[in-house]
Amino acid sequence: WAVLVAGALMGAGDVIAQQVVEQRGLHGHHGPRTLKMMAIGFCFVGPVVGSWYRILDWLIPGNTKVVAVKKVILDQGCFAPCFLGCFLAVTGAVNGLSVQDNCSKIQQDYMDALMTNYSIWPPVQIANFYFVPLQHRLAVVQCVAIVWNCYLSWKANQI
């Protein structure tokens, strides 16, 4: 379920990026790009983030305020930087970039994307880790992430 939600919402984020941010219009919409973003959601984002939440809950069990803060520190200090780099690399590879072009694109986009991540995710994750049961965390994050997915799609697909 969570993997399906991640894929669908990655696709929705791309549609929003193309239609609202890039203002491509229906005739200018790049359908293969949306399908690629959905595939990345199904095959990478959903499984990786879902697994991460299970690992994080195993490493730091519970849902007190202190536990939530510890989880956010580990999530944002370790997982988010690694995940974001991998996401950009996967997106570049799926888009057919050469290794050299992909590395250049990651160097160009990574810090801006990471700083944007830090402006959005810590408060969301505090609430997520404190209030939301483990089995619903990925779905909650992906619902909040519709805007984040839009940003990531726009950022990853800028040339």
N, C-alpha and C. Protein backbone atom coordinates (compact mmCIF):
# COMPACT_ATOMS: atom_id res chain seq x y z
N TRP A 1 0.83 -1.20 0.00
CA TRP A 1 0.00 0.00 0.00
C TRP A 1 0.86 1.24 0.00
N ALA A 2 1.83 1.31 0.88
CA ALA A 2 2.67 2.50 0.99
C ALA A 2 3.47 2.73 -0.30
N VAL A 3 3.92 1.64 -0.93
CA VAL A 3 4.67 1.76 -2.18
C VAL A 3 3.77 2.31 -3.28
N LEU A 4 2.53 1.86 -3.33
CA LEU A 4 1.58 2.38 -4.33
C LEU A 4 1.30 3.85 -4.10
N VAL A 5 1.13 4.23 -2.84
CA VAL A 5 0.89 5.64 -2.52
C VAL A 5 2.10 6.48 -2.93
N ALA A 6 3.31 6.00 -2.61
CA ALA A 6 4.52 6.74 -2.96
C ALA A 6 4.61 6.94 -4.47
N GLY A 7 4.36 5.90 -5.24
CA GLY A 7 4.41 6.02 -6.70
C GLY A 7 3.37 6.98 -7.25
N ALA A 8 2.14 6.84 -6.76
CA ALA A 8 1.06 7.71 -7.23
C ALA A 8 1.35 9.17 -6.88
N LEU A 9 1.84 9.41 -5.68
CA LEU A 9 2.09 10.78 -5.27
C LEU A 9 3.34 11.38 -5.92
N MET A 10 4.32 10.56 -6.24
CA MET A 10 5.46 11.05 -7.02
C MET A 10 4.97 11.48 -8.41
N GLY A 11 4.09 10.68 -8.99
CA GLY A 11 3.51 11.06 -10.28
C GLY A 11 2.69 12.34 -10.17
N ALA A 12 1.88 12.44 -9.13
CA ALA A 12 1.08 13.65 -8.93
C ALA A 12 1.97 14.87 -8.73
N GLY A 13 3.06 14.70 -7.99
CA GLY A 13 4.00 15.80 -7.80
C GLY A 13 4.59 16.26 -9.12
N ASP A 14 4.89 15.31 -10.02
CA ASP A 14 5.43 15.68 -11.32
C ASP A 14 4.38 16.40 -12.16
N VAL A 15 3.14 15.94 -12.12
CA VAL A 15 2.08 16.62 -12.86
C VAL A 15 1.95 18.06 -12.38
N ILE A 16 1.95 18.26 -11.06
CA ILE A 16 1.86 19.61 -10.51
C ILE A 16 3.07 20.43 -10.94
N ALA A 17 4.26 19.83 -10.89
CA ALA A 17 5.47 20.56 -11.31
C ALA A 17 5.35 21.01 -12.76
N GLN A 18 4.90 20.10 -13.62
CA GLN A 18 4.82 20.45 -15.04
C GLN A 18 3.70 21.46 -15.33
N GLN A 19 2.57 21.31 -14.65
CA GLN A 19 1.42 22.15 -14.97
C GLN A 19 1.38 23.47 -14.22
N VAL A 20 1.79 23.47 -12.96
CA VAL A 20 1.69 24.68 -12.14
C VAL A 20 3.01 25.45 -12.14
N VAL A 21 4.11 24.76 -11.85
CA VAL A 21 5.40 25.43 -11.73
C VAL A 21 5.95 25.79 -13.11
N GLU A 22 6.00 24.79 -13.99
CA GLU A 22 6.58 25.01 -15.32
C GLU A 22 5.58 25.52 -16.34
N GLN A 23 4.29 25.46 -16.01
CA GLN A 23 3.20 25.94 -16.85
C GLN A 23 3.30 25.42 -18.29
N ARG A 24 3.45 24.11 -18.42
CA ARG A 24 3.59 23.48 -19.74
C ARG A 24 2.26 23.38 -20.49
N GLY A 25 1.15 23.36 -19.78
CA GLY A 25 -0.13 23.13 -20.43
C GLY A 25 -0.30 21.66 -20.77
N LEU A 26 -1.51 21.27 -21.07
CA LEU A 26 -1.79 19.85 -21.34
C LEU A 26 -1.05 19.35 -22.58
N HIS A 27 -0.96 20.17 -23.61
CA HIS A 27 -0.28 19.74 -24.84
C HIS A 27 1.22 19.67 -24.66
N GLY A 28 1.77 20.42 -23.72
CA GLY A 28 3.21 20.41 -23.47
C GLY A 28 3.64 19.46 -22.37
N HIS A 29 2.65 18.76 -21.79
CA HIS A 29 2.97 17.85 -20.69
C HIS A 29 3.81 16.68 -21.21
N HIS A 30 4.87 16.37 -20.49
CA HIS A 30 5.77 15.29 -20.89
C HIS A 30 5.38 14.03 -20.10
N GLY A 31 4.51 13.22 -20.70
CA GLY A 31 3.99 12.02 -20.06
C GLY A 31 5.07 11.04 -19.62
N PRO A 32 6.08 10.77 -20.46
CA PRO A 32 7.13 9.84 -20.03
C PRO A 32 7.85 10.29 -18.75
N ARG A 33 8.00 11.60 -18.58
CA ARG A 33 8.62 12.10 -17.36
C ARG A 33 7.77 11.75 -16.15
N THR A 34 6.45 11.91 -16.26
CA THR A 34 5.55 11.57 -15.16
C THR A 34 5.64 10.08 -14.85
N LEU A 35 5.65 9.25 -15.90
CA LEU A 35 5.76 7.81 -15.69
C LEU A 35 7.09 7.44 -15.02
N LYS A 36 8.16 8.11 -15.41
CA LYS A 36 9.47 7.86 -14.77
C LYS A 36 9.43 8.23 -13.29
N MET A 37 8.82 9.36 -12.98
CA MET A 37 8.74 9.77 -11.57
C MET A 37 7.87 8.79 -10.78
N MET A 38 6.81 8.30 -11.39
CA MET A 38 5.99 7.30 -10.71
C MET A 38 6.80 6.03 -10.46
N ALA A 39 7.56 5.60 -11.46
CA ALA A 39 8.39 4.40 -11.31
C ALA A 39 9.42 4.59 -10.20
N ILE A 40 10.00 5.78 -10.12
CA ILE A 40 10.96 6.06 -9.05
C ILE A 40 10.25 5.98 -7.70
N GLY A 41 9.02 6.47 -7.63
CA GLY A 41 8.24 6.37 -6.39
C GLY A 41 7.94 4.93 -6.01
N PHE A 42 7.51 4.14 -7.01
CA PHE A 42 7.18 2.73 -6.75
C PHE A 42 8.41 1.92 -6.38
N CYS A 43 9.50 2.10 -7.11
CA CYS A 43 10.66 1.20 -7.00
C CYS A 43 11.75 1.69 -6.06
N PHE A 44 11.77 2.99 -5.77
CA PHE A 44 12.84 3.53 -4.93
C PHE A 44 12.29 4.22 -3.68
N VAL A 45 11.52 5.28 -3.87
CA VAL A 45 11.08 6.09 -2.72
C VAL A 45 10.25 5.26 -1.74
N GLY A 46 9.21 4.61 -2.21
CA GLY A 46 8.34 3.84 -1.32
C GLY A 46 9.08 2.78 -0.54
N PRO A 47 9.80 1.87 -1.23
CA PRO A 47 10.51 0.82 -0.49
C PRO A 47 11.59 1.36 0.45
N VAL A 48 12.36 2.34 0.00
CA VAL A 48 13.47 2.83 0.82
C VAL A 48 12.95 3.58 2.05
N VAL A 49 12.02 4.49 1.84
CA VAL A 49 11.51 5.28 2.97
C VAL A 49 10.71 4.39 3.92
N GLY A 50 9.91 3.48 3.37
CA GLY A 50 9.16 2.56 4.23
C GLY A 50 10.08 1.70 5.08
N SER A 51 11.14 1.19 4.47
CA SER A 51 12.12 0.39 5.23
C SER A 51 12.83 1.24 6.27
N TRP A 52 13.15 2.47 5.90
CA TRP A 52 13.83 3.37 6.84
C TRP A 52 12.99 3.58 8.09
N TYR A 53 11.69 3.79 7.94
CA TYR A 53 10.85 4.01 9.10
C TYR A 53 10.82 2.79 10.01
N ARG A 54 10.82 1.60 9.43
CA ARG A 54 10.86 0.39 10.25
C ARG A 54 12.20 0.28 10.99
N ILE A 55 13.28 0.56 10.30
CA ILE A 55 14.61 0.53 10.92
C ILE A 55 14.70 1.57 12.03
N LEU A 56 14.23 2.78 11.75
CA LEU A 56 14.28 3.86 12.74
C LEU A 56 13.47 3.51 13.97
N ASP A 57 12.31 2.89 13.78
CA ASP A 57 11.49 2.49 14.92
C ASP A 57 12.15 1.37 15.72
N TRP A 58 12.90 0.51 15.04
CA TRP A 58 13.64 -0.55 15.71
C TRP A 58 14.83 0.04 16.49
N LEU A 59 15.53 1.01 15.89
CA LEU A 59 16.69 1.64 16.55
C LEU A 59 16.28 2.48 17.75
N ILE A 60 15.18 3.22 17.59
CA ILE A 60 14.71 4.13 18.64
C ILE A 60 13.22 3.87 18.85
N PRO A 61 12.89 2.87 19.66
CA PRO A 61 11.47 2.53 19.86
C PRO A 61 10.75 3.57 20.73
N GLY A 62 9.45 3.65 20.53
CA GLY A 62 8.62 4.51 21.36
C GLY A 62 8.13 5.72 20.59
N ASN A 63 7.33 6.54 21.27
CA ASN A 63 6.79 7.74 20.63
C ASN A 63 6.64 8.90 21.62
N THR A 64 7.57 9.00 22.56
CA THR A 64 7.56 10.17 23.45
C THR A 64 8.15 11.36 22.69
N LYS A 65 8.08 12.53 23.30
CA LYS A 65 8.65 13.72 22.67
C LYS A 65 10.16 13.56 22.48
N VAL A 66 10.85 13.04 23.48
CA VAL A 66 12.30 12.85 23.39
C VAL A 66 12.64 11.86 22.28
N VAL A 67 11.88 10.79 22.19
CA VAL A 67 12.09 9.79 21.14
C VAL A 67 11.87 10.43 19.77
N ALA A 68 10.81 11.22 19.63
CA ALA A 68 10.53 11.88 18.35
C ALA A 68 11.68 12.80 17.95
N VAL A 69 12.22 13.54 18.89
CA VAL A 69 13.35 14.42 18.59
C VAL A 69 14.57 13.60 18.17
N LYS A 70 14.85 12.51 18.87
CA LYS A 70 15.97 11.65 18.49
C LYS A 70 15.79 11.09 17.08
N LYS A 71 14.57 10.68 16.78
CA LYS A 71 14.29 10.14 15.44
C LYS A 71 14.49 11.21 14.36
N VAL A 72 14.03 12.42 14.64
CA VAL A 72 14.20 13.51 13.66
C VAL A 72 15.68 13.82 13.46
N ILE A 73 16.45 13.82 14.52
CA ILE A 73 17.88 14.09 14.40
C ILE A 73 18.54 13.02 13.52
N LEU A 74 18.22 11.76 13.76
CA LEU A 74 18.78 10.68 12.95
C LEU A 74 18.23 10.73 11.52
N ASP A 75 16.94 10.98 11.38
CA ASP A 75 16.31 11.04 10.07
C ASP A 75 16.89 12.18 9.23
N GLN A 76 16.97 13.35 9.82
CA GLN A 76 17.42 14.52 9.06
C GLN A 76 18.94 14.65 9.01
N GLY A 77 19.62 14.09 10.00
CA GLY A 77 21.08 14.19 10.02
C GLY A 77 21.78 13.12 9.21
N CYS A 78 21.17 11.94 9.13
CA CYS A 78 21.81 10.81 8.42
C CYS A 78 21.04 10.39 7.17
N PHE A 79 19.77 10.08 7.36
CA PHE A 79 19.00 9.52 6.25
C PHE A 79 18.74 10.54 5.14
N ALA A 80 18.23 11.72 5.50
CA ALA A 80 17.84 12.69 4.47
C ALA A 80 18.99 13.06 3.54
N PRO A 81 20.19 13.36 4.04
CA PRO A 81 21.27 13.70 3.11
C PRO A 81 21.63 12.54 2.17
N CYS A 82 21.67 11.33 2.69
CA CYS A 82 21.97 10.16 1.85
C CYS A 82 20.86 9.89 0.85
N PHE A 83 19.63 9.90 1.34
CA PHE A 83 18.49 9.62 0.47
C PHE A 83 18.40 10.63 -0.66
N LEU A 84 18.58 11.91 -0.34
CA LEU A 84 18.46 12.95 -1.35
C LEU A 84 19.52 12.77 -2.44
N GLY A 85 20.76 12.48 -2.05
CA GLY A 85 21.81 12.22 -3.04
C GLY A 85 21.46 11.03 -3.91
N CYS A 86 20.98 9.98 -3.30
CA CYS A 86 20.58 8.77 -4.07
C CYS A 86 19.40 9.07 -4.98
N PHE A 87 18.43 9.83 -4.48
CA PHE A 87 17.27 10.19 -5.31
C PHE A 87 17.72 10.96 -6.55
N LEU A 88 18.58 11.94 -6.36
CA LEU A 88 19.06 12.71 -7.51
C LEU A 88 19.84 11.83 -8.49
N ALA A 89 20.64 10.91 -7.95
CA ALA A 89 21.40 9.99 -8.81
C ALA A 89 20.47 9.07 -9.59
N VAL A 90 19.47 8.50 -8.92
CA VAL A 90 18.52 7.60 -9.58
C VAL A 90 17.75 8.36 -10.65
N THR A 91 17.30 9.56 -10.34
CA THR A 91 16.54 10.35 -11.30
C THR A 91 17.40 10.67 -12.53
N GLY A 92 18.64 11.06 -12.30
CA GLY A 92 19.54 11.33 -13.42
C GLY A 92 19.76 10.11 -14.28
N ALA A 93 19.96 8.97 -13.65
CA ALA A 93 20.16 7.72 -14.39
C ALA A 93 18.92 7.35 -15.19
N VAL A 94 17.74 7.46 -14.57
CA VAL A 94 16.49 7.15 -15.26
C VAL A 94 16.26 8.11 -16.43
N ASN A 95 16.74 9.33 -16.28
CA ASN A 95 16.60 10.32 -17.36
C ASN A 95 17.69 10.18 -18.43
N GLY A 96 18.56 9.19 -18.27
CA GLY A 96 19.55 8.90 -19.30
C GLY A 96 20.81 9.73 -19.26
N LEU A 97 21.09 10.39 -18.14
CA LEU A 97 22.31 11.18 -18.04
C LEU A 97 23.53 10.26 -17.97
N SER A 98 24.62 10.69 -18.57
CA SER A 98 25.87 9.95 -18.43
C SER A 98 26.32 10.08 -16.98
N VAL A 99 27.25 9.24 -16.58
CA VAL A 99 27.76 9.29 -15.20
C VAL A 99 28.33 10.68 -14.91
N GLN A 100 29.10 11.21 -15.85
CA GLN A 100 29.71 12.53 -15.64
C GLN A 100 28.64 13.62 -15.55
N ASP A 101 27.67 13.61 -16.46
CA ASP A 101 26.59 14.61 -16.41
C ASP A 101 25.75 14.46 -15.15
N ASN A 102 25.52 13.21 -14.73
CA ASN A 102 24.74 12.97 -13.52
C ASN A 102 25.48 13.52 -12.30
N CYS A 103 26.78 13.28 -12.22
CA CYS A 103 27.57 13.81 -11.10
C CYS A 103 27.53 15.34 -11.09
N SER A 104 27.65 15.95 -12.26
CA SER A 104 27.59 17.42 -12.35
C SER A 104 26.23 17.93 -11.90
N LYS A 105 25.16 17.24 -12.31
CA LYS A 105 23.81 17.65 -11.94
C LYS A 105 23.60 17.53 -10.43
N ILE A 106 24.11 16.45 -9.86
CA ILE A 106 23.99 16.27 -8.41
C ILE A 106 24.74 17.39 -7.69
N GLN A 107 25.95 17.69 -8.12
CA GLN A 107 26.73 18.77 -7.49
C GLN A 107 26.00 20.10 -7.61
N GLN A 108 25.34 20.32 -8.73
CA GLN A 108 24.61 21.57 -8.96
C GLN A 108 23.38 21.68 -8.06
N ASP A 109 22.65 20.58 -7.86
CA ASP A 109 21.34 20.63 -7.21
C ASP A 109 21.33 20.23 -5.74
N TYR A 110 22.33 19.49 -5.30
CA TYR A 110 22.25 18.82 -4.00
C TYR A 110 22.07 19.80 -2.83
N MET A 111 22.93 20.78 -2.70
CA MET A 111 22.87 21.66 -1.51
C MET A 111 21.56 22.45 -1.46
N ASP A 112 21.12 22.95 -2.59
CA ASP A 112 19.85 23.68 -2.62
C ASP A 112 18.70 22.76 -2.20
N ALA A 113 18.70 21.54 -2.73
CA ALA A 113 17.64 20.60 -2.37
C ALA A 113 17.71 20.23 -0.88
N LEU A 114 18.93 20.05 -0.37
CA LEU A 114 19.08 19.70 1.05
C LEU A 114 18.60 20.83 1.95
N MET A 115 18.95 22.07 1.61
CA MET A 115 18.50 23.21 2.42
C MET A 115 16.98 23.36 2.35
N THR A 116 16.41 23.11 1.19
CA THR A 116 14.95 23.15 1.08
C THR A 116 14.33 22.04 1.92
N ASN A 117 14.94 20.87 1.90
CA ASN A 117 14.51 19.75 2.75
C ASN A 117 14.46 20.19 4.22
N TYR A 118 15.52 20.85 4.67
CA TYR A 118 15.59 21.25 6.08
C TYR A 118 14.59 22.34 6.43
N SER A 119 14.08 23.06 5.45
CA SER A 119 13.07 24.07 5.75
C SER A 119 11.67 23.47 5.85
N ILE A 120 11.51 22.24 5.36
CA ILE A 120 10.18 21.61 5.34
C ILE A 120 10.06 20.47 6.35
N TRP A 121 11.01 19.54 6.34
CA TRP A 121 10.80 18.25 6.96
C TRP A 121 10.95 18.14 8.48
N PRO A 122 11.84 18.86 9.14
CA PRO A 122 11.94 18.65 10.59
C PRO A 122 10.63 18.82 11.36
N PRO A 123 9.85 19.90 11.14
CA PRO A 123 8.59 19.98 11.90
C PRO A 123 7.58 18.90 11.50
N VAL A 124 7.56 18.55 10.22
CA VAL A 124 6.65 17.48 9.78
C VAL A 124 7.03 16.17 10.46
N GLN A 125 8.31 15.89 10.50
CA GLN A 125 8.75 14.61 11.07
C GLN A 125 8.58 14.56 12.59
N ILE A 126 8.74 15.66 13.27
CA ILE A 126 8.46 15.67 14.72
C ILE A 126 7.02 15.21 14.95
N ALA A 127 6.09 15.81 14.23
CA ALA A 127 4.68 15.43 14.39
C ALA A 127 4.46 13.98 13.95
N ASN A 128 5.09 13.59 12.85
CA ASN A 128 4.92 12.24 12.33
C ASN A 128 5.42 11.20 13.33
N PHE A 129 6.60 11.39 13.87
CA PHE A 129 7.17 10.41 14.80
C PHE A 129 6.48 10.42 16.16
N TYR A 130 5.88 11.53 16.54
CA TYR A 130 5.25 11.61 17.85
C TYR A 130 3.79 11.13 17.83
N PHE A 131 3.05 11.47 16.77
CA PHE A 131 1.62 11.20 16.75
C PHE A 131 1.17 10.03 15.88
N VAL A 132 1.95 9.67 14.87
CA VAL A 132 1.47 8.74 13.84
C VAL A 132 2.04 7.34 14.06
N PRO A 133 1.18 6.31 14.05
CA PRO A 133 1.68 4.93 14.18
C PRO A 133 2.58 4.56 12.99
N LEU A 134 3.51 3.68 13.22
CA LEU A 134 4.50 3.28 12.22
C LEU A 134 3.88 2.93 10.88
N GLN A 135 2.81 2.15 10.88
CA GLN A 135 2.24 1.67 9.62
C GLN A 135 1.64 2.79 8.78
N HIS A 136 1.43 3.97 9.34
CA HIS A 136 0.84 5.09 8.59
C HIS A 136 1.83 6.20 8.29
N ARG A 137 3.07 6.08 8.76
CA ARG A 137 4.02 7.19 8.61
C ARG A 137 4.37 7.50 7.17
N LEU A 138 4.63 6.46 6.37
CA LEU A 138 4.99 6.73 4.98
C LEU A 138 3.83 7.40 4.24
N ALA A 139 2.61 6.96 4.49
CA ALA A 139 1.45 7.56 3.82
C ALA A 139 1.29 9.02 4.24
N VAL A 140 1.45 9.31 5.52
CA VAL A 140 1.35 10.69 6.00
C VAL A 140 2.43 11.55 5.35
N VAL A 141 3.65 11.04 5.35
CA VAL A 141 4.75 11.79 4.75
C VAL A 141 4.49 12.02 3.27
N GLN A 142 4.00 11.00 2.56
CA GLN A 142 3.76 11.17 1.14
C GLN A 142 2.61 12.14 0.86
N CYS A 143 1.63 12.21 1.75
CA CYS A 143 0.57 13.21 1.58
C CYS A 143 1.13 14.62 1.76
N VAL A 144 1.94 14.80 2.78
CA VAL A 144 2.59 16.09 2.98
C VAL A 144 3.58 16.35 1.85
N ALA A 145 4.16 15.27 1.35
CA ALA A 145 5.23 15.38 0.36
C ALA A 145 4.75 15.73 -1.03
N ILE A 146 3.46 15.90 -1.26
CA ILE A 146 3.02 16.23 -2.61
C ILE A 146 3.71 17.52 -3.07
N VAL A 147 3.85 18.48 -2.18
CA VAL A 147 4.57 19.71 -2.52
C VAL A 147 6.06 19.42 -2.67
N TRP A 148 6.61 18.61 -1.77
CA TRP A 148 8.02 18.24 -1.84
C TRP A 148 8.30 17.46 -3.13
N ASN A 149 7.42 16.54 -3.50
CA ASN A 149 7.59 15.78 -4.73
C ASN A 149 7.55 16.68 -5.95
N CYS A 150 6.69 17.67 -5.91
CA CYS A 150 6.62 18.66 -6.98
C CYS A 150 7.97 19.37 -7.09
N TYR A 151 8.50 19.81 -5.96
CA TYR A 151 9.81 20.47 -5.95
C TYR A 151 10.89 19.54 -6.47
N LEU A 152 10.93 18.31 -5.96
CA LEU A 152 11.97 17.36 -6.40
C LEU A 152 11.88 17.08 -7.89
N SER A 153 10.68 16.91 -8.40
CA SER A 153 10.52 16.65 -9.82
C SER A 153 11.03 17.84 -10.63
N TRP A 154 10.64 19.03 -10.22
CA TRP A 154 11.10 20.23 -10.92
C TRP A 154 12.62 20.33 -10.85
N LYS A 155 13.18 20.15 -9.66
CA LYS A 155 14.62 20.28 -9.47
C LYS A 155 15.38 19.22 -10.25
N ALA A 156 14.93 17.98 -10.16
CA ALA A 156 15.63 16.87 -10.81
C ALA A 156 15.53 16.93 -12.32
N ASN A 157 14.50 17.57 -12.84
CA ASN A 157 14.30 17.59 -14.29
C ASN A 157 14.68 18.93 -14.93
N GLN A 158 15.24 19.84 -14.17
CA GLN A 158 15.77 21.07 -14.76
C GLN A 158 17.02 20.72 -15.55
N ILE A 159 17.17 21.36 -16.67
CA ILE A 159 18.36 21.10 -17.49
C ILE A 159 19.29 22.28 -17.45
